[in-house]
Structures are given as C-alpha cells and as structure tokens.
Protein backbone atom coordinates (compact mmCIF):
# COMPACT_ATOMS: atom_id res chain seq x y z
CA UNK A 1 109.65 78.31 100.69
CA UNK A 2 109.65 77.49 104.41
CA UNK A 3 106.83 75.33 105.71
CA UNK A 4 106.14 76.65 109.21
CA UNK A 5 104.61 75.06 112.31
CA UNK A 6 102.24 78.02 112.85
CA UNK A 7 100.84 80.92 110.82
CA UNK A 8 103.72 83.24 111.80
CA UNK A 9 106.87 84.23 109.93
CA UNK A 10 109.11 83.38 112.88
CA UNK A 11 107.43 80.07 113.69
CA UNK A 12 109.55 76.91 113.67
CA UNK A 13 110.40 75.71 110.18
CA UNK A 14 109.14 72.14 109.71
CA UNK A 15 110.68 71.79 106.25
CA UNK A 16 110.98 73.43 102.85
CA UNK A 17 108.81 73.40 99.74
CA UNK A 18 111.33 73.78 96.89
CA UNK A 19 110.60 76.34 94.18
CA UNK A 20 108.66 74.74 91.35
CA UNK A 21 107.52 71.77 93.44
CA UNK A 22 103.91 71.03 94.41
CA UNK A 23 102.49 70.37 97.82
CA UNK A 24 99.00 69.26 98.74
CA UNK A 25 96.84 72.08 100.15
CA UNK A 26 94.89 70.76 103.13
CA UNK A 27 92.54 73.76 103.26
CA UNK A 28 89.47 73.25 101.10
CA UNK A 29 87.87 76.62 101.93
CA UNK A 30 89.69 78.33 99.06
CA UNK A 31 90.31 81.40 101.20
CA UNK A 32 93.28 80.52 103.40
CA UNK A 33 93.23 81.09 107.14
CA UNK A 34 94.13 84.26 109.00
CA UNK A 35 97.53 84.42 110.60
CA UNK A 36 100.32 86.92 111.08
CA UNK A 37 100.32 89.63 108.41
CA UNK A 38 103.15 89.55 105.90
CA UNK A 39 104.48 91.44 102.91
CA UNK A 40 106.04 88.78 100.72
CA UNK A 41 106.03 87.77 97.06
CA UNK A 42 104.81 91.23 96.06
CA UNK A 43 101.66 91.07 98.20
CA UNK A 44 100.50 92.09 101.66
CA UNK A 45 98.13 89.67 103.36
CA UNK A 46 97.40 87.60 106.43
CA UNK A 47 96.17 84.54 104.49
CA UNK A 48 98.03 81.29 105.11
CA UNK A 49 97.41 77.83 103.66
CA UNK A 50 98.15 74.48 105.29
CA UNK A 51 100.15 72.19 103.01
CA UNK A 52 101.75 68.77 103.02
CA UNK A 53 104.91 68.09 101.04
CA UNK A 54 106.23 64.57 101.39
CA UNK A 55 106.14 63.86 105.12
CA UNK A 56 106.23 67.55 106.11
CA UNK A 57 103.09 69.50 107.00
CA UNK A 58 102.67 73.10 107.99
CA UNK A 59 101.79 76.61 106.89
CA UNK A 60 102.93 78.77 103.98
CA UNK A 61 101.88 82.32 103.01
CA UNK A 62 98.96 81.84 100.61
CA UNK A 63 100.04 84.60 98.21
CA UNK A 64 103.44 82.99 97.70
CA UNK A 65 101.90 80.07 95.82
CA UNK A 66 101.14 79.92 92.11
CA UNK A 67 97.97 77.84 92.24
CA UNK A 68 96.18 79.35 95.19
CA UNK A 69 93.61 82.11 94.94
CA UNK A 70 93.09 83.50 98.43
CA UNK A 71 90.64 86.24 99.20
C-alpha cells in the first residue's frame, strides 16, 4: 500500500507498506483524520491514518488496514 505525503490519492508517494507488514499508527484518536474521499478495499470513506514504516512516514486510507477501526 502506498504511504502518501498528504491525505489524497494522488499525493506524492513517500514509500510503500508491503502487504502483511505492520507500521506504527501515529494517530491515537482511533478515528482517523478526514481527507480526500476514496472507495478502496471494499469501503467508501474519507478516513486516513498517519503511519510510520521504517524511516517512511505518511498517510494511508484507514479502511485498507487490518488493525484499524475508524469511525
């Protein structure tokens, strides 16, 4: 999954979070933050979560994670 610089699907890709790998979610609200709406991973939402994977930080669609429970 692409880790993006901003909460938009066409934002610059900072890096990739490989399928099955874990990143550290930097958002402790448990709700994700509003960004550009998307229809991905079988869901429609505008919730994004900020993650760090290795030395790469950025945004991923919250509903495309397996251990995230956005609004």
